[in-house]
Protein backbone atom coordinates (compact mmCIF):
# COMPACT_ATOMS: atom_id res chain seq x y z
CA MET A 1 76.10 153.52 81.09
CA ARG A 2 72.87 153.32 79.09
CA LEU A 3 69.94 153.23 81.50
CA LEU A 4 66.22 152.74 80.94
CA LEU A 5 63.81 154.17 83.53
CA ASP A 6 60.59 152.27 84.07
CA GLU A 7 57.28 154.12 83.84
CA SER A 8 57.00 153.95 87.63
CA VAL A 9 60.25 155.92 88.12
CA PRO A 10 60.01 159.73 87.92
CA LYS A 11 61.67 160.85 84.69
CA ARG A 12 63.30 163.75 86.52
CA LEU A 13 65.55 161.21 88.26
CA ARG A 14 67.69 161.31 85.14
CA GLN A 15 68.96 164.79 85.99
CA TYR A 16 70.66 163.22 89.01
CA LEU A 17 72.45 160.69 86.79
CA PRO A 18 74.53 163.03 84.58
CA ASN A 19 77.26 160.47 83.93
CA HIS A 20 74.84 158.11 82.22
CA SER A 21 72.71 158.07 79.09
CA VAL A 22 69.18 157.82 80.48
CA LYS A 23 65.92 157.26 78.58
CA THR A 24 62.43 156.51 79.78
CA VAL A 25 60.14 153.70 78.66
CA VAL A 26 57.71 156.31 77.29
CA GLU A 27 60.44 158.12 75.33
CA MET A 28 61.31 154.84 73.67
CA GLY A 29 57.68 154.37 72.63
CA TRP A 30 57.31 151.34 74.89
CA GLY A 31 54.70 152.69 77.31
CA GLY A 32 52.24 150.07 78.51
CA ILE A 33 54.33 147.09 77.39
CA LYS A 34 54.54 144.28 79.96
CA ASN A 35 57.87 143.70 81.72
CA GLY A 36 58.92 140.50 79.93
CA GLN A 37 58.51 141.98 76.47
CA LEU A 38 59.83 145.36 77.64
CA LEU A 39 63.05 143.84 78.92
CA ALA A 40 63.51 141.91 75.68
CA LEU A 41 63.08 145.15 73.70
CA ALA A 42 65.47 147.01 75.99
CA GLY A 43 68.25 144.41 75.84
CA PRO A 44 69.95 145.59 72.64
CA HIS A 45 69.72 149.28 73.58
CA PHE A 46 70.43 149.48 77.32
CA GLU A 47 72.72 148.02 79.95
CA ALA A 48 70.34 148.42 82.90
CA PHE A 49 66.64 148.78 83.65
CA ILE A 50 65.78 150.85 86.72
CA THR A 51 62.41 150.25 88.35
CA VAL A 52 60.59 150.50 91.67
CA ASP A 53 58.59 147.34 90.90
CA LYS A 54 59.62 145.07 93.78
CA ASN A 55 57.65 142.18 92.26
CA LEU A 56 59.56 142.14 88.99
CA PRO A 57 62.16 139.57 90.14
CA TYR A 58 59.36 137.18 91.09
CA GLN A 59 57.51 137.69 87.80
CA GLN A 60 60.48 137.14 85.48
CA ASN A 61 63.06 134.42 85.00
CA LEU A 62 66.13 136.44 85.92
CA ASN A 63 68.41 133.97 84.13
CA LYS A 64 66.81 134.94 80.82
CA ILE A 65 66.77 138.73 81.28
CA PRO A 66 68.95 140.37 78.60
CA ILE A 67 69.98 143.38 80.74
CA ALA A 68 70.73 144.17 84.38
CA ILE A 69 67.80 145.07 86.60
CA VAL A 70 68.05 147.58 89.42
CA VAL A 71 65.09 147.80 91.80
CA LEU A 72 64.85 150.91 93.97
CA SER A 73 63.07 149.96 97.19
CA ALA A 74 61.74 152.93 99.15
CA ILE A 75 58.56 153.94 100.95
CA SER A 76 57.48 155.85 97.85
CA ASN A 77 58.45 156.32 94.22
CA GLU A 78 58.37 160.11 94.60
CA LEU A 79 61.53 161.89 93.49
CA PRO A 80 62.45 163.42 96.90
CA ILE A 81 62.40 159.92 98.41
CA LEU A 82 64.33 158.25 95.58
CA ILE A 83 67.04 160.92 95.64
CA HIS A 84 68.23 159.48 98.95
CA LEU A 85 69.03 156.22 97.15
CA LEU A 86 71.31 157.87 94.57
CA PRO A 87 74.63 157.22 96.34
CA LYS A 88 73.78 153.51 96.60
CA LEU A 89 72.52 153.52 93.01
CA GLU A 90 75.75 155.04 91.69
CA THR A 91 77.81 152.50 93.63
CA ALA A 92 75.69 149.68 92.24
CA LEU A 93 75.95 151.00 88.68
CA ASN A 94 79.74 151.22 88.95
CA GLN A 95 79.88 147.55 89.96
CA LEU A 96 77.00 146.29 87.81
CA LYS A 97 77.48 143.10 85.88
CA PRO A 98 75.50 142.32 82.72
CA LYS A 99 72.25 140.42 83.25
CA SER A 100 72.39 140.84 87.03
CA TYR A 101 69.78 141.86 89.58
CA VAL A 102 70.38 144.48 92.27
CA LEU A 103 68.02 145.59 95.02
CA ILE A 104 68.74 149.02 96.51
CA LYS A 105 66.99 149.69 99.81
CA SER A 106 66.61 152.92 101.71
C-alpha cells in the first residue's frame, strides 16, 4: 500500500512498515501545506495518510477526503511509543477501505 506520513509522524516509522511504499510529506515537497490542500495533493499518489493529528477529522469534511486517513492516538508521537501501535496499524491497513477514517488507540 502507498502510505504518506504526516510531518508529525517520525519518518523512521517507515522502517517498521516494510510491506508498504512509504513517503513523508517533506520528501514529497509538501512540507508546511495545510491538511485540506495536503490531502488533495496526496489523493492521486497515495492510498492512506498516517498522522497523529487527532483534530484532523474535526477540521476536514471526511466525505470529501480523496484518501484514507489513519490517526495514531498515543501519549506521544515519539517512535518508541508509536511502535506499540504497529500491530493495530497493520491490521487496519489490511482492512482499509478507500476514503475511510481509522483511529488507532494505544
